[in-house]
Amino acid sequence: MAAGRMIRDCTPADVDAVFAVIDDAAQAYRGAIPADRWHEPYMPAAELAAEIAAGVAFRLWVEDGPNGGERVTGVMGGQPVQDVFLIRHAYVRTARRRQGIGAALLADLVQRTDRPVLIGTWAAAAWAVRFYEKHGFRQVTPAEKDRLLRRYWTVPQRQIAASVVLADARWFAQRGGA
């Protein structure tokens, strides 16, 4: 990794920076997801704290910031749930998109687990679906998506209806390639 850039674990001191990245990057969803699922901010600080308390561990893309400090420009969470590993809350600052940050964070998290990996995202977020497909994930069937979202996530029915689930090759291999 280039000097001045690294991936590291999120610490309690980083939570405000994670919130800022999510708030900035989530603006891409405005108007793309169902209006009743949009909030301002997209993920309130209390919800972010609840996600961390529930076991979502964030990895951060950190760059040299002004005056020698650090600047968090990308975040991606991982969460082991039952027999799978969920990729949760993947965001890159708007100004830093399409520069490999998301790909690096995704690769980092995937290599850290031996479990099958699942990702849920909004069906209308075509750019996110393409990103995951570009990195080897495939969408599961609509019926399987509903089952997986109910089993591994805690999301309302409205979100289940408007989402897709993508899985890695390990997940498909365990199911005979289905």
Protein backbone atom coordinates (compact mmCIF):
# COMPACT_ATOMS: atom_id res chain seq x y z
CA MET A 1 0.00 0.00 0.00
CA ALA A 2 1.28 3.47 -0.85
CA ALA A 3 2.95 5.52 1.83
CA GLY A 4 0.46 7.61 3.72
CA ARG A 5 -2.39 5.13 3.18
CA MET A 6 -3.36 2.11 5.20
CA ILE A 7 -6.20 -0.11 6.29
CA ARG A 8 -6.69 -0.54 10.00
CA ASP A 9 -9.29 -1.44 12.60
CA CYS A 10 -11.73 1.17 13.81
CA THR A 11 -11.19 2.31 17.40
CA PRO A 12 -13.68 4.12 19.65
CA ALA A 13 -11.83 7.35 18.82
CA ASP A 14 -12.69 6.84 15.11
CA VAL A 15 -16.47 6.65 15.44
CA ASP A 16 -17.03 10.33 14.58
CA ALA A 17 -14.89 9.91 11.44
CA VAL A 18 -16.84 6.78 10.45
CA PHE A 19 -20.08 8.71 10.92
CA ALA A 20 -18.76 11.54 8.72
CA VAL A 21 -17.75 9.16 5.91
CA ILE A 22 -21.12 7.40 5.99
CA ASP A 23 -23.01 10.71 6.04
CA ASP A 24 -21.05 12.01 3.05
CA ALA A 25 -21.06 8.82 0.97
CA ALA A 26 -24.69 7.89 1.62
CA GLN A 27 -25.84 10.95 -0.31
CA ALA A 28 -25.56 8.72 -3.39
CA TYR A 29 -28.63 6.84 -2.14
CA ARG A 30 -30.80 9.96 -1.91
CA GLY A 31 -33.55 9.54 -4.48
CA ALA A 32 -32.40 6.03 -5.39
CA ILE A 33 -33.82 4.12 -2.45
CA PRO A 34 -37.43 4.21 -1.28
CA ALA A 35 -38.22 7.60 0.24
CA ASP A 36 -39.57 5.98 3.40
CA ARG A 37 -36.17 4.33 4.00
CA TRP A 38 -34.12 7.54 3.60
CA HIS A 39 -33.14 9.38 6.78
CA GLU A 40 -31.16 12.53 7.40
CA PRO A 41 -28.52 11.70 8.42
CA TYR A 42 -28.70 8.38 6.62
CA MET A 43 -27.31 6.50 9.63
CA PRO A 44 -27.81 8.46 12.84
CA ALA A 45 -24.99 8.25 15.38
CA ALA A 46 -27.13 6.14 17.74
CA GLU A 47 -27.74 3.60 14.96
CA LEU A 48 -24.03 3.45 14.16
CA ALA A 49 -23.28 2.85 17.85
CA ALA A 50 -25.92 0.09 17.94
CA GLU A 51 -24.40 -1.58 14.87
CA ILE A 52 -20.96 -1.58 16.51
CA ALA A 53 -22.44 -2.91 19.75
CA ALA A 54 -24.14 -5.68 17.73
CA GLY A 55 -20.78 -6.87 16.41
CA VAL A 56 -20.12 -4.91 13.22
CA ALA A 57 -16.36 -4.36 13.21
CA PHE A 58 -15.25 -1.60 10.87
CA ARG A 59 -12.04 -1.53 8.88
CA LEU A 60 -10.91 1.92 7.81
CA TRP A 61 -9.01 3.28 4.83
CA VAL A 62 -6.87 6.00 6.38
CA GLU A 63 -4.76 8.55 4.52
CA ASP A 64 -2.36 11.23 5.61
CA GLY A 65 -4.40 14.28 6.47
CA PRO A 66 -3.55 17.92 6.83
CA ASN A 67 -0.96 18.82 9.44
CA GLY A 68 0.32 15.25 9.73
CA GLY A 69 -2.91 13.80 11.06
CA GLU A 70 -5.02 11.01 9.62
CA ARG A 71 -8.11 11.29 7.46
CA VAL A 72 -10.56 8.39 7.19
CA THR A 73 -11.78 8.22 3.60
CA GLY A 74 -13.38 4.76 3.45
CA VAL A 75 -15.14 2.43 5.86
CA MET A 76 -16.46 -1.11 5.58
CA GLY A 77 -17.87 -3.29 8.30
CA GLY A 78 -17.75 -7.02 8.74
CA GLN A 79 -19.95 -9.10 10.99
CA PRO A 80 -19.82 -12.84 11.65
CA VAL A 81 -23.40 -14.08 12.02
CA GLN A 82 -24.12 -17.77 12.60
CA ASP A 83 -22.26 -19.59 9.78
CA VAL A 84 -21.60 -16.64 7.43
CA PHE A 85 -19.72 -13.35 7.34
CA LEU A 86 -21.69 -10.24 6.39
CA ILE A 87 -20.18 -7.21 4.69
CA ARG A 88 -21.97 -4.25 6.28
CA HIS A 89 -21.98 -0.53 5.71
CA ALA A 90 -19.47 0.00 2.89
CA TYR A 91 -18.83 3.67 2.17
CA VAL A 92 -16.14 5.78 0.52
CA ARG A 93 -16.10 9.57 0.66
CA THR A 94 -17.63 11.06 -2.47
CA ALA A 95 -14.40 12.82 -3.48
CA ARG A 96 -12.38 9.58 -3.21
CA ARG A 97 -14.62 7.15 -5.11
CA ARG A 98 -13.35 5.06 -8.01
CA GLN A 99 -9.79 5.04 -6.69
CA GLY A 100 -9.64 1.47 -5.38
CA ILE A 101 -10.50 2.19 -1.75
CA GLY A 102 -13.69 0.11 -1.70
CA ALA A 103 -11.99 -2.73 -3.53
CA ALA A 104 -9.10 -2.73 -1.04
CA LEU A 105 -11.44 -2.72 1.96
CA LEU A 106 -13.57 -5.50 0.49
CA ALA A 107 -10.52 -7.66 -0.28
CA ASP A 108 -9.18 -7.02 3.22
CA LEU A 109 -12.39 -8.17 4.91
CA VAL A 110 -12.93 -11.19 2.66
CA GLN A 111 -9.40 -12.49 3.27
CA ARG A 112 -9.95 -12.22 7.04
CA THR A 113 -12.68 -14.87 7.12
CA ASP A 114 -13.01 -18.50 6.13
CA ARG A 115 -16.80 -18.27 6.19
CA PRO A 116 -19.01 -17.71 3.16
CA VAL A 117 -19.54 -13.98 2.60
CA LEU A 118 -22.92 -12.32 2.03
CA ILE A 119 -23.67 -8.71 1.15
CA GLY A 120 -27.05 -7.02 1.25
CA THR A 121 -27.66 -3.76 -0.58
CA TRP A 122 -30.46 -1.76 -2.09
CA ALA A 123 -31.67 -3.17 -5.42
CA ALA A 124 -31.89 0.38 -6.81
CA ALA A 125 -28.21 1.01 -6.00
CA ALA A 126 -27.10 -0.42 -9.33
CA TRP A 127 -23.59 1.02 -8.88
CA ALA A 128 -23.16 -0.94 -5.64
CA VAL A 129 -24.45 -4.17 -7.19
CA ARG A 130 -22.04 -3.73 -10.14
CA PHE A 131 -19.16 -3.09 -7.74
CA TYR A 132 -19.75 -6.33 -5.85
CA GLU A 133 -20.29 -8.31 -9.06
CA LYS A 134 -17.02 -6.92 -10.42
CA HIS A 135 -15.34 -8.39 -7.33
CA GLY A 136 -16.73 -11.89 -7.78
CA PHE A 137 -20.04 -11.76 -5.94
CA ARG A 138 -23.26 -12.99 -7.54
CA GLN A 139 -26.85 -12.21 -6.72
CA VAL A 140 -28.88 -14.97 -5.16
CA THR A 141 -32.43 -15.68 -6.32
CA PRO A 142 -35.22 -13.41 -5.03
CA ALA A 143 -36.63 -16.20 -2.85
CA GLU A 144 -33.19 -16.96 -1.40
CA LYS A 145 -32.61 -13.24 -0.85
CA ASP A 146 -35.75 -13.00 1.28
CA ARG A 147 -34.74 -16.06 3.30
CA LEU A 148 -31.18 -14.83 3.87
CA LEU A 149 -32.23 -11.31 4.87
CA ARG A 150 -34.63 -12.73 7.44
CA ARG A 151 -32.07 -15.20 8.78
CA TYR A 152 -28.91 -13.09 8.99
CA TRP A 153 -29.99 -9.45 9.13
CA THR A 154 -32.37 -7.48 11.30
CA VAL A 155 -34.14 -5.31 8.74
CA PRO A 156 -37.79 -4.42 8.22
CA GLN A 157 -39.92 -6.13 5.58
CA ARG A 158 -39.92 -2.92 3.50
CA GLN A 159 -36.15 -3.08 3.26
CA ILE A 160 -36.21 -6.78 2.41
CA ALA A 161 -38.55 -6.03 -0.48
CA ALA A 162 -36.23 -3.32 -1.84
CA SER A 163 -32.92 -5.17 -1.41
CA VAL A 164 -30.71 -7.75 -3.08
CA VAL A 165 -28.23 -10.17 -1.57
CA LEU A 166 -24.96 -11.10 -3.21
CA ALA A 167 -22.82 -14.08 -2.21
CA ASP A 168 -19.25 -15.16 -2.79
CA ALA A 169 -18.07 -18.36 -4.44
CA ARG A 170 -17.74 -20.10 -1.05
CA TRP A 171 -21.45 -19.61 -0.37
CA PHE A 172 -22.45 -20.96 -3.79
CA ALA A 173 -20.00 -23.89 -3.49
CA GLN A 174 -21.54 -24.94 -0.17
CA ARG A 175 -24.91 -25.03 -1.88
CA GLY A 176 -23.76 -27.02 -4.89
CA GLY A 177 -23.43 -23.99 -7.16
CA ALA A 178 -27.12 -23.09 -6.96
